[in-house]
All heavy atoms as atom14 arrays in JSON, in Angstrom:
{
  "sequence": "APLAVNVPLAALAGILLFVAYNMGEWREFARLRRFNITYRVVLLSTFV",
  "atom14_mask": [
    [1, 1, 1, 1, 1, 0, 0, 0, 0, 0, 0, 0, 0, 0],
    [1, 1, 1, 1, 1, 1, 1, 0, 0, 0, 0, 0, 0, 0],
    [1, 1, 1, 1, 1, 1, 1, 1, 0, 0, 0, 0, 0, 0],
    [1, 1, 1, 1, 1, 0, 0, 0, 0, 0, 0, 0, 0, 0],
    [1, 1, 1, 1, 1, 1, 1, 0, 0, 0, 0, 0, 0, 0],
    [1, 1, 1, 1, 1, 1, 1, 1, 0, 0, 0, 0, 0, 0],
    [1, 1, 1, 1, 1, 1, 1, 0, 0, 0, 0, 0, 0, 0],
    [1, 1, 1, 1, 1, 1, 1, 0, 0, 0, 0, 0, 0, 0],
    [1, 1, 1, 1, 1, 1, 1, 1, 0, 0, 0, 0, 0, 0],
    [1, 1, 1, 1, 1, 0, 0, 0, 0, 0, 0, 0, 0, 0],
    [1, 1, 1, 1, 1, 0, 0, 0, 0, 0, 0, 0, 0, 0],
    [1, 1, 1, 1, 1, 1, 1, 1, 0, 0, 0, 0, 0, 0],
    [1, 1, 1, 1, 1, 0, 0, 0, 0, 0, 0, 0, 0, 0],
    [1, 1, 1, 1, 0, 0, 0, 0, 0, 0, 0, 0, 0, 0],
    [1, 1, 1, 1, 1, 1, 1, 1, 0, 0, 0, 0, 0, 0],
    [1, 1, 1, 1, 1, 1, 1, 1, 0, 0, 0, 0, 0, 0],
    [1, 1, 1, 1, 1, 1, 1, 1, 0, 0, 0, 0, 0, 0],
    [1, 1, 1, 1, 1, 1, 1, 1, 1, 1, 1, 0, 0, 0],
    [1, 1, 1, 1, 1, 1, 1, 0, 0, 0, 0, 0, 0, 0],
    [1, 1, 1, 1, 1, 0, 0, 0, 0, 0, 0, 0, 0, 0],
    [1, 1, 1, 1, 1, 1, 1, 1, 1, 1, 1, 1, 0, 0],
    [1, 1, 1, 1, 1, 1, 1, 1, 0, 0, 0, 0, 0, 0],
    [1, 1, 1, 1, 1, 1, 1, 1, 0, 0, 0, 0, 0, 0],
    [1, 1, 1, 1, 0, 0, 0, 0, 0, 0, 0, 0, 0, 0],
    [1, 1, 1, 1, 1, 1, 1, 1, 1, 0, 0, 0, 0, 0],
    [1, 1, 1, 1, 1, 1, 1, 1, 1, 1, 1, 1, 1, 1],
    [1, 1, 1, 1, 1, 1, 1, 1, 1, 1, 1, 0, 0, 0],
    [1, 1, 1, 1, 1, 1, 1, 1, 1, 0, 0, 0, 0, 0],
    [1, 1, 1, 1, 1, 1, 1, 1, 1, 1, 1, 0, 0, 0],
    [1, 1, 1, 1, 1, 0, 0, 0, 0, 0, 0, 0, 0, 0],
    [1, 1, 1, 1, 1, 1, 1, 1, 1, 1, 1, 0, 0, 0],
    [1, 1, 1, 1, 1, 1, 1, 1, 0, 0, 0, 0, 0, 0],
    [1, 1, 1, 1, 1, 1, 1, 1, 1, 1, 1, 0, 0, 0],
    [1, 1, 1, 1, 1, 1, 1, 1, 1, 1, 1, 0, 0, 0],
    [1, 1, 1, 1, 1, 1, 1, 1, 1, 1, 1, 0, 0, 0],
    [1, 1, 1, 1, 1, 1, 1, 1, 0, 0, 0, 0, 0, 0],
    [1, 1, 1, 1, 1, 1, 1, 1, 0, 0, 0, 0, 0, 0],
    [1, 1, 1, 1, 1, 1, 1, 0, 0, 0, 0, 0, 0, 0],
    [1, 1, 1, 1, 1, 1, 1, 1, 1, 1, 1, 1, 0, 0],
    [1, 1, 1, 1, 1, 1, 1, 1, 1, 1, 1, 0, 0, 0],
    [1, 1, 1, 1, 1, 1, 1, 0, 0, 0, 0, 0, 0, 0],
    [1, 1, 1, 1, 1, 1, 1, 0, 0, 0, 0, 0, 0, 0],
    [1, 1, 1, 1, 1, 1, 1, 1, 0, 0, 0, 0, 0, 0],
    [1, 1, 1, 1, 1, 1, 1, 1, 0, 0, 0, 0, 0, 0],
    [1, 1, 1, 1, 1, 1, 0, 0, 0, 0, 0, 0, 0, 0],
    [1, 1, 1, 1, 1, 1, 1, 0, 0, 0, 0, 0, 0, 0],
    [1, 1, 1, 1, 1, 1, 1, 1, 1, 1, 1, 0, 0, 0],
    [1, 1, 1, 1, 1, 1, 1, 0, 0, 0, 0, 0, 0, 0]
  ],
  "atom14_positions": [
    [[-23.1, 13.96, 4.85], [-22.49, 13.6, 6.12], [-23.45, 12.89, 7.07], [-23.06, 11.9, 7.72], [-21.91, 14.85, 6.79], [0.0, 0.0, 0.0], [0.0, 0.0, 0.0], [0.0, 0.0, 0.0], [0.0, 0.0, 0.0], [0.0, 0.0, 0.0], [0.0, 0.0, 0.0], [0.0, 0.0, 0.0], [0.0, 0.0, 0.0], [0.0, 0.0, 0.0]],
    [[-24.73, 13.32, 7.15], [-25.64, 12.6, 8.06], [-25.85, 11.15, 7.67], [-26.15, 10.31, 8.54], [-26.94, 13.39, 7.94], [-26.52, 14.76, 7.5], [-25.35, 14.53, 6.6], [0.0, 0.0, 0.0], [0.0, 0.0, 0.0], [0.0, 0.0, 0.0], [0.0, 0.0, 0.0], [0.0, 0.0, 0.0], [0.0, 0.0, 0.0], [0.0, 0.0, 0.0]],
    [[-25.68, 10.84, 6.38], [-25.87, 9.45, 5.93], [-24.65, 8.59, 6.25], [-24.76, 7.36, 6.25], [-26.15, 9.42, 4.43], [-27.36, 10.23, 3.95], [-27.47, 10.17, 2.43], [-28.64, 9.69, 4.6], [0.0, 0.0, 0.0], [0.0, 0.0, 0.0], [0.0, 0.0, 0.0], [0.0, 0.0, 0.0], [0.0, 0.0, 0.0], [0.0, 0.0, 0.0]],
    [[-23.51, 9.23, 6.49], [-22.28, 8.46, 6.7], [-22.32, 7.63, 7.97], [-21.63, 6.61, 8.06], [-21.08, 9.41, 6.74], [0.0, 0.0, 0.0], [0.0, 0.0, 0.0], [0.0, 0.0, 0.0], [0.0, 0.0, 0.0], [0.0, 0.0, 0.0], [0.0, 0.0, 0.0], [0.0, 0.0, 0.0], [0.0, 0.0, 0.0], [0.0, 0.0, 0.0]],
    [[-23.16, 8.05, 8.93], [-23.23, 7.28, 10.18], [-23.82, 5.9, 9.96], [-23.63, 5.0, 10.78], [-24.06, 8.04, 11.23], [-23.39, 9.36, 11.58], [-25.48, 8.29, 10.72], [0.0, 0.0, 0.0], [0.0, 0.0, 0.0], [0.0, 0.0, 0.0], [0.0, 0.0, 0.0], [0.0, 0.0, 0.0], [0.0, 0.0, 0.0], [0.0, 0.0, 0.0]],
    [[-24.49, 5.71, 8.82], [-25.1, 4.42, 8.53], [-24.17, 3.49, 7.76], [-24.54, 2.35, 7.48], [-26.39, 4.64, 7.73], [-27.41, 5.45, 8.5], [-27.6, 5.25, 9.7], [-28.06, 6.39, 7.82], [0.0, 0.0, 0.0], [0.0, 0.0, 0.0], [0.0, 0.0, 0.0], [0.0, 0.0, 0.0], [0.0, 0.0, 0.0], [0.0, 0.0, 0.0]],
    [[-22.99, 3.99, 7.36], [-22.04, 3.14, 6.63], [-21.24, 2.32, 7.63], [-20.61, 2.87, 8.54], [-21.08, 3.99, 5.78], [-20.08, 3.1, 5.04], [-21.85, 4.84, 4.78], [0.0, 0.0, 0.0], [0.0, 0.0, 0.0], [0.0, 0.0, 0.0], [0.0, 0.0, 0.0], [0.0, 0.0, 0.0], [0.0, 0.0, 0.0], [0.0, 0.0, 0.0]],
    [[-21.24, 1.0, 7.52], [-20.49, 0.15, 8.47], [-18.99, 0.44, 8.38], [-18.43, 0.59, 7.29], [-20.8, -1.27, 8.01], [-22.05, -1.14, 7.19], [-22.0, 0.2, 6.54], [0.0, 0.0, 0.0], [0.0, 0.0, 0.0], [0.0, 0.0, 0.0], [0.0, 0.0, 0.0], [0.0, 0.0, 0.0], [0.0, 0.0, 0.0], [0.0, 0.0, 0.0]],
    [[-18.35, 0.54, 9.54], [-16.9, 0.78, 9.56], [-16.14, -0.34, 8.87], [-15.08, -0.12, 8.28], [-16.43, 0.94, 11.0], [-16.92, 2.2, 11.74], [-16.35, 2.23, 13.15], [-16.51, 3.45, 10.98], [0.0, 0.0, 0.0], [0.0, 0.0, 0.0], [0.0, 0.0, 0.0], [0.0, 0.0, 0.0], [0.0, 0.0, 0.0], [0.0, 0.0, 0.0]],
    [[-16.69, -1.58, 8.95], [-16.02, -2.7, 8.28], [-15.97, -2.48, 6.78], [-14.97, -2.8, 6.11], [-16.75, -4.0, 8.6], [0.0, 0.0, 0.0], [0.0, 0.0, 0.0], [0.0, 0.0, 0.0], [0.0, 0.0, 0.0], [0.0, 0.0, 0.0], [0.0, 0.0, 0.0], [0.0, 0.0, 0.0], [0.0, 0.0, 0.0], [0.0, 0.0, 0.0]],
    [[-17.03, -1.89, 6.21], [-17.05, -1.61, 4.77], [-16.01, -0.54, 4.43], [-15.29, -0.66, 3.42], [-18.44, -1.16, 4.33], [0.0, 0.0, 0.0], [0.0, 0.0, 0.0], [0.0, 0.0, 0.0], [0.0, 0.0, 0.0], [0.0, 0.0, 0.0], [0.0, 0.0, 0.0], [0.0, 0.0, 0.0], [0.0, 0.0, 0.0], [0.0, 0.0, 0.0]],
    [[-15.95, 0.51, 5.26], [-14.94, 1.54, 5.02], [-13.53, 0.97, 5.15], [-12.64, 1.31, 4.36], [-15.13, 2.69, 6.02], [-16.4, 3.52, 5.86], [-16.49, 4.56, 6.98], [-16.44, 4.21, 4.5], [0.0, 0.0, 0.0], [0.0, 0.0, 0.0], [0.0, 0.0, 0.0], [0.0, 0.0, 0.0], [0.0, 0.0, 0.0], [0.0, 0.0, 0.0]],
    [[-13.33, 0.11, 6.13], [-12.01, -0.5, 6.3], [-11.64, -1.35, 5.09], [-10.5, -1.34, 4.63], [-12.0, -1.36, 7.56], [0.0, 0.0, 0.0], [0.0, 0.0, 0.0], [0.0, 0.0, 0.0], [0.0, 0.0, 0.0], [0.0, 0.0, 0.0], [0.0, 0.0, 0.0], [0.0, 0.0, 0.0], [0.0, 0.0, 0.0], [0.0, 0.0, 0.0]],
    [[-12.61, -2.07, 4.55], [-12.35, -2.87, 3.36], [-11.96, -2.02, 2.17], [-11.04, -2.38, 1.41], [0.0, 0.0, 0.0], [0.0, 0.0, 0.0], [0.0, 0.0, 0.0], [0.0, 0.0, 0.0], [0.0, 0.0, 0.0], [0.0, 0.0, 0.0], [0.0, 0.0, 0.0], [0.0, 0.0, 0.0], [0.0, 0.0, 0.0], [0.0, 0.0, 0.0]],
    [[-12.63, -0.89, 2.0], [-12.29, 0.01, 0.9], [-10.87, 0.56, 1.06], [-10.08, 0.6, 0.1], [-13.31, 1.17, 0.82], [-14.69, 0.63, 0.45], [-12.87, 2.23, -0.17], [-15.79, 1.65, 0.54], [0.0, 0.0, 0.0], [0.0, 0.0, 0.0], [0.0, 0.0, 0.0], [0.0, 0.0, 0.0], [0.0, 0.0, 0.0], [0.0, 0.0, 0.0]],
    [[-10.53, 0.95, 2.28], [-9.19, 1.47, 2.54], [-8.12, 0.42, 2.3], [-7.06, 0.71, 1.74], [-9.1, 2.0, 3.97], [-9.88, 3.29, 4.26], [-9.8, 3.64, 5.73], [-9.37, 4.44, 3.4], [0.0, 0.0, 0.0], [0.0, 0.0, 0.0], [0.0, 0.0, 0.0], [0.0, 0.0, 0.0], [0.0, 0.0, 0.0], [0.0, 0.0, 0.0]],
    [[-8.4, -0.81, 2.72], [-7.43, -1.88, 2.48], [-7.25, -2.14, 0.99], [-6.13, -2.38, 0.52], [-7.88, -3.17, 3.19], [-7.7, -3.19, 4.71], [-8.34, -4.44, 5.3], [-6.21, -3.16, 5.06], [0.0, 0.0, 0.0], [0.0, 0.0, 0.0], [0.0, 0.0, 0.0], [0.0, 0.0, 0.0], [0.0, 0.0, 0.0], [0.0, 0.0, 0.0]],
    [[-8.35, -2.1, 0.25], [-8.26, -2.32, -1.19], [-7.43, -1.22, -1.87], [-6.57, -1.49, -2.71], [-9.67, -2.37, -1.79], [-9.69, -2.57, -3.28], [-9.44, -3.82, -3.82], [-9.94, -1.51, -4.13], [-9.44, -4.01, -5.19], [-9.96, -1.69, -5.5], [-9.71, -2.94, -6.03], [0.0, 0.0, 0.0], [0.0, 0.0, 0.0], [0.0, 0.0, 0.0]],
    [[-7.69, 0.03, -1.47], [-6.93, 1.14, -2.03], [-5.46, 1.03, -1.64], [-4.56, 1.24, -2.47], [-7.52, 2.49, -1.56], [-6.63, 3.65, -1.98], [-8.92, 2.68, -2.12], [0.0, 0.0, 0.0], [0.0, 0.0, 0.0], [0.0, 0.0, 0.0], [0.0, 0.0, 0.0], [0.0, 0.0, 0.0], [0.0, 0.0, 0.0], [0.0, 0.0, 0.0]],
    [[-5.2, 0.7, -0.37], [-3.82, 0.57, 0.09], [-3.08, -0.54, -0.65], [-1.91, -0.4, -1.01], [-3.79, 0.31, 1.59], [0.0, 0.0, 0.0], [0.0, 0.0, 0.0], [0.0, 0.0, 0.0], [0.0, 0.0, 0.0], [0.0, 0.0, 0.0], [0.0, 0.0, 0.0], [0.0, 0.0, 0.0], [0.0, 0.0, 0.0], [0.0, 0.0, 0.0]],
    [[-3.77, -1.64, -0.9], [-3.14, -2.74, -1.63], [-2.77, -2.31, -3.04], [-1.68, -2.61, -3.55], [-4.09, -3.95, -1.67], [-3.53, -5.11, -2.47], [-2.61, -5.99, -1.9], [-3.92, -5.31, -3.79], [-2.1, -7.04, -2.63], [-3.4, -6.36, -4.53], [-2.49, -7.22, -3.95], [-1.97, -8.25, -4.68], [0.0, 0.0, 0.0], [0.0, 0.0, 0.0]],
    [[-3.66, -1.59, -3.7], [-3.37, -1.14, -5.06], [-2.27, -0.09, -5.09], [-1.58, 0.08, -6.11], [-4.63, -0.57, -5.71], [-5.63, -1.65, -6.08], [-5.25, -2.79, -6.33], [-6.91, -1.31, -6.08], [0.0, 0.0, 0.0], [0.0, 0.0, 0.0], [0.0, 0.0, 0.0], [0.0, 0.0, 0.0], [0.0, 0.0, 0.0], [0.0, 0.0, 0.0]],
    [[-2.09, 0.64, -3.98], [-1.01, 1.62, -3.9], [0.34, 0.95, -3.66], [1.39, 1.61, -3.81], [-1.28, 2.61, -2.76], [-2.39, 3.6, -3.02], [-2.72, 4.59, -1.54], [-1.1, 5.3, -1.24], [0.0, 0.0, 0.0], [0.0, 0.0, 0.0], [0.0, 0.0, 0.0], [0.0, 0.0, 0.0], [0.0, 0.0, 0.0], [0.0, 0.0, 0.0]],
    [[0.36, -0.29, -3.29], [1.6, -0.95, -2.88], [2.65, -1.05, -3.95], [3.83, -1.11, -3.65], [0.0, 0.0, 0.0], [0.0, 0.0, 0.0], [0.0, 0.0, 0.0], [0.0, 0.0, 0.0], [0.0, 0.0, 0.0], [0.0, 0.0, 0.0], [0.0, 0.0, 0.0], [0.0, 0.0, 0.0], [0.0, 0.0, 0.0], [0.0, 0.0, 0.0]],
    [[2.22, -1.07, -5.24], [3.17, -1.27, -6.34], [4.08, -2.46, -6.06], [5.3, -2.39, -6.12], [4.02, 0.0, -6.55], [3.22, 1.25, -6.9], [2.66, 1.22, -8.32], [3.04, 0.31, -9.09], [1.83, 2.09, -8.65], [0.0, 0.0, 0.0], [0.0, 0.0, 0.0], [0.0, 0.0, 0.0], [0.0, 0.0, 0.0], [0.0, 0.0, 0.0]],
    [[3.44, -3.6, -5.79], [4.22, -4.77, -5.36], [5.17, -5.28, -6.44], [6.18, -5.92, -6.12], [3.25, -5.88, -4.94], [2.26, -5.41, -3.91], [0.93, -5.16, -4.11], [2.53, -5.08, -2.54], [0.35, -4.7, -2.95], [1.3, -4.64, -1.97], [3.66, -5.11, -1.75], [1.2, -4.24, -0.65], [3.57, -4.71, -0.43], [2.35, -4.29, 0.11]],
    [[4.86, -5.01, -7.69], [5.74, -5.48, -8.76], [7.13, -4.83, -8.67], [8.11, -5.38, -9.21], [5.11, -5.18, -10.12], [4.98, -3.71, -10.44], [4.34, -3.48, -11.81], [2.95, -3.85, -11.75], [1.98, -2.98, -11.41], [2.3, -1.74, -11.05], [0.72, -3.35, -11.4], [0.0, 0.0, 0.0], [0.0, 0.0, 0.0], [0.0, 0.0, 0.0]],
    [[7.21, -3.68, -8.0], [8.51, -3.01, -7.88], [9.5, -3.83, -7.06], [10.71, -3.74, -7.27], [8.34, -1.63, -7.25], [7.53, -0.65, -8.08], [8.16, -0.37, -9.42], [9.41, -0.28, -9.47], [7.43, -0.25, -10.42], [0.0, 0.0, 0.0], [0.0, 0.0, 0.0], [0.0, 0.0, 0.0], [0.0, 0.0, 0.0], [0.0, 0.0, 0.0]],
    [[9.01, -4.63, -6.13], [9.91, -5.47, -5.34], [10.59, -6.52, -6.21], [11.75, -6.88, -5.98], [9.15, -6.13, -4.2], [8.75, -5.18, -3.11], [7.51, -4.56, -3.12], [9.62, -4.88, -2.07], [7.14, -3.68, -2.12], [9.27, -4.0, -1.07], [8.02, -3.39, -1.1], [0.0, 0.0, 0.0], [0.0, 0.0, 0.0], [0.0, 0.0, 0.0]],
    [[9.87, -7.01, -7.22], [10.46, -8.0, -8.12], [11.54, -7.38, -8.99], [12.46, -8.07, -9.44], [9.37, -8.61, -9.0], [0.0, 0.0, 0.0], [0.0, 0.0, 0.0], [0.0, 0.0, 0.0], [0.0, 0.0, 0.0], [0.0, 0.0, 0.0], [0.0, 0.0, 0.0], [0.0, 0.0, 0.0], [0.0, 0.0, 0.0], [0.0, 0.0, 0.0]],
    [[11.47, -6.07, -9.21], [12.45, -5.39, -10.06], [13.69, -4.96, -9.28], [14.64, -4.44, -9.87], [11.81, -4.16, -10.71], [10.66, -4.48, -11.65], [10.02, -3.23, -12.23], [11.0, -2.44, -12.95], [11.2, -1.14, -12.79], [10.5, -0.47, -11.89], [12.1, -0.49, -13.51], [0.0, 0.0, 0.0], [0.0, 0.0, 0.0], [0.0, 0.0, 0.0]],
    [[13.68, -5.17, -7.97], [14.8, -4.71, -7.16], [16.13, -5.34, -7.57], [17.19, -4.72, -7.44], [14.54, -5.0, -5.67], [13.7, -3.98, -4.9], [13.53, -4.44, -3.47], [14.32, -2.6, -4.95], [0.0, 0.0, 0.0], [0.0, 0.0, 0.0], [0.0, 0.0, 0.0], [0.0, 0.0, 0.0], [0.0, 0.0, 0.0], [0.0, 0.0, 0.0]],
    [[16.08, -6.56, -8.05], [17.33, -7.24, -8.41], [18.07, -6.55, -9.55], [19.26, -6.81, -9.78], [17.03, -8.7, -8.77], [16.17, -8.87, -10.0], [15.94, -10.36, -10.31], [15.15, -10.56, -11.51], [13.84, -10.56, -11.54], [13.15, -10.4, -10.4], [13.18, -10.75, -12.69], [0.0, 0.0, 0.0], [0.0, 0.0, 0.0], [0.0, 0.0, 0.0]],
    [[17.38, -5.69, -10.28], [18.01, -4.98, -11.38], [18.82, -3.77, -10.91], [19.58, -3.21, -11.68], [16.95, -4.49, -12.38], [16.06, -5.59, -12.94], [15.04, -5.0, -13.89], [14.08, -5.99, -14.35], [13.05, -5.73, -15.16], [12.86, -4.49, -15.57], [12.22, -6.69, -15.53], [0.0, 0.0, 0.0], [0.0, 0.0, 0.0], [0.0, 0.0, 0.0]],
    [[18.62, -3.37, -9.65], [19.26, -2.16, -9.16], [20.35, -2.51, -8.15], [20.4, -3.63, -7.64], [18.22, -1.24, -8.5], [17.14, -0.8, -9.45], [15.92, -1.46, -9.49], [17.34, 0.27, -10.31], [14.92, -1.07, -10.36], [16.35, 0.67, -11.18], [15.14, 0.01, -11.22], [0.0, 0.0, 0.0], [0.0, 0.0, 0.0], [0.0, 0.0, 0.0]],
    [[21.21, -1.51, -7.86], [22.3, -1.78, -6.92], [21.8, -1.75, -5.49], [20.64, -1.43, -5.21], [23.46, -0.79, -7.13], [23.04, 0.65, -6.92], [22.16, 0.92, -6.11], [23.67, 1.57, -7.62], [0.0, 0.0, 0.0], [0.0, 0.0, 0.0], [0.0, 0.0, 0.0], [0.0, 0.0, 0.0], [0.0, 0.0, 0.0], [0.0, 0.0, 0.0]],
    [[22.71, -2.04, -4.57], [22.34, -2.25, -3.17], [21.78, -0.98, -2.53], [20.89, -1.04, -1.68], [23.56, -2.77, -2.38], [23.17, -3.12, -0.94], [24.69, -1.77, -2.42], [22.17, -4.24, -0.84], [0.0, 0.0, 0.0], [0.0, 0.0, 0.0], [0.0, 0.0, 0.0], [0.0, 0.0, 0.0], [0.0, 0.0, 0.0], [0.0, 0.0, 0.0]],
    [[22.27, 0.19, -2.95], [21.81, 1.42, -2.31], [20.34, 1.69, -2.61], [19.58, 2.12, -1.73], [22.66, 2.62, -2.78], [22.67, 2.65, -4.21], [24.08, 2.48, -2.28], [0.0, 0.0, 0.0], [0.0, 0.0, 0.0], [0.0, 0.0, 0.0], [0.0, 0.0, 0.0], [0.0, 0.0, 0.0], [0.0, 0.0, 0.0], [0.0, 0.0, 0.0]],
    [[19.91, 1.44, -3.85], [18.5, 1.63, -4.19], [17.63, 0.62, -3.43], [16.51, 0.95, -3.02], [18.29, 1.5, -5.7], [18.82, 2.66, -6.48], [19.99, 2.54, -7.22], [18.17, 3.89, -6.48], [20.49, 3.61, -7.94], [18.65, 4.96, -7.2], [19.82, 4.81, -7.93], [20.3, 5.88, -8.64], [0.0, 0.0, 0.0], [0.0, 0.0, 0.0]],
    [[18.12, -0.57, -3.28], [17.37, -1.57, -2.52], [17.2, -1.14, -1.07], [16.12, -1.3, -0.48], [18.09, -2.92, -2.58], [18.23, -3.5, -3.99], [19.05, -4.78, -3.94], [19.42, -5.22, -5.28], [20.23, -6.23, -5.54], [20.77, -6.9, -4.52], [20.52, -6.56, -6.77], [0.0, 0.0, 0.0], [0.0, 0.0, 0.0], [0.0, 0.0, 0.0]],
    [[18.27, -0.59, -0.5], [18.2, -0.14, 0.9], [17.18, 0.98, 1.06], [16.39, 0.99, 2.01], [19.6, 0.31, 1.38], [19.5, 1.04, 2.72], [20.53, -0.89, 1.49], [0.0, 0.0, 0.0], [0.0, 0.0, 0.0], [0.0, 0.0, 0.0], [0.0, 0.0, 0.0], [0.0, 0.0, 0.0], [0.0, 0.0, 0.0], [0.0, 0.0, 0.0]],
    [[17.16, 1.93, 0.12], [16.22, 3.05, 0.21], [14.79, 2.55, 0.16], [13.95, 2.92, 0.99], [16.48, 4.07, -0.92], [15.37, 5.12, -0.96], [17.83, 4.74, -0.73], [0.0, 0.0, 0.0], [0.0, 0.0, 0.0], [0.0, 0.0, 0.0], [0.0, 0.0, 0.0], [0.0, 0.0, 0.0], [0.0, 0.0, 0.0], [0.0, 0.0, 0.0]],
    [[14.47, 1.69, -0.81], [13.09, 1.22, -0.95], [12.66, 0.36, 0.23], [11.59, 0.57, 0.82], [12.93, 0.45, -2.26], [11.49, 0.12, -2.67], [11.34, 0.1, -4.18], [11.03, -1.24, -2.11], [0.0, 0.0, 0.0], [0.0, 0.0, 0.0], [0.0, 0.0, 0.0], [0.0, 0.0, 0.0], [0.0, 0.0, 0.0], [0.0, 0.0, 0.0]],
    [[13.5, -0.62, 0.6], [13.12, -1.54, 1.65], [13.05, -0.85, 3.01], [12.14, -1.13, 3.8], [14.11, -2.71, 1.7], [14.07, -3.65, 0.49], [15.17, -4.7, 0.59], [12.71, -4.33, 0.36], [0.0, 0.0, 0.0], [0.0, 0.0, 0.0], [0.0, 0.0, 0.0], [0.0, 0.0, 0.0], [0.0, 0.0, 0.0], [0.0, 0.0, 0.0]],
    [[13.97, 0.06, 3.29], [13.93, 0.74, 4.58], [12.71, 1.64, 4.67], [12.06, 1.71, 5.73], [15.2, 1.56, 4.78], [15.35, 2.54, 3.76], [0.0, 0.0, 0.0], [0.0, 0.0, 0.0], [0.0, 0.0, 0.0], [0.0, 0.0, 0.0], [0.0, 0.0, 0.0], [0.0, 0.0, 0.0], [0.0, 0.0, 0.0], [0.0, 0.0, 0.0]],
    [[12.36, 2.32, 3.58], [11.16, 3.16, 3.59], [9.91, 2.31, 3.78], [8.99, 2.68, 4.54], [11.07, 3.96, 2.29], [12.27, 4.71, 2.09], [9.88, 4.92, 2.32], [0.0, 0.0, 0.0], [0.0, 0.0, 0.0], [0.0, 0.0, 0.0], [0.0, 0.0, 0.0], [0.0, 0.0, 0.0], [0.0, 0.0, 0.0], [0.0, 0.0, 0.0]],
    [[9.87, 1.16, 3.11], [8.72, 0.27, 3.25], [8.58, -0.24, 4.69], [7.49, -0.18, 5.28], [8.88, -0.91, 2.28], [7.84, -1.98, 2.45], [6.56, -1.81, 1.96], [8.14, -3.17, 3.11], [5.6, -2.8, 2.12], [7.2, -4.16, 3.28], [5.92, -3.97, 2.78], [0.0, 0.0, 0.0], [0.0, 0.0, 0.0], [0.0, 0.0, 0.0]],
    [[9.67, -0.72, 5.27], [9.63, -1.28, 6.62], [9.26, -0.2, 7.63], [8.43, -0.42, 8.53], [10.97, -1.93, 6.98], [11.01, -2.32, 8.45], [11.21, -3.15, 6.1], [0.0, 0.0, 0.0], [0.0, 0.0, 0.0], [0.0, 0.0, 0.0], [0.0, 0.0, 0.0], [0.0, 0.0, 0.0], [0.0, 0.0, 0.0], [0.0, 0.0, 0.0]]
  ]
}
C-alpha cells in the first residue's frame, strides 16, 4: 500500500479502461439481429 502512492492515476485509469473495454462483449451487439425485439430492449436498455 505505501508504494501505491507512487503509481500515476493516469496509469490506473488506463488499466481500468482496458479492463472495462474487454468486459464490454461488443460482439454481442452484432448478434442482436438474431433475437426478437424484447431481448434487444433488455440488452440495450441495460447498456444505456
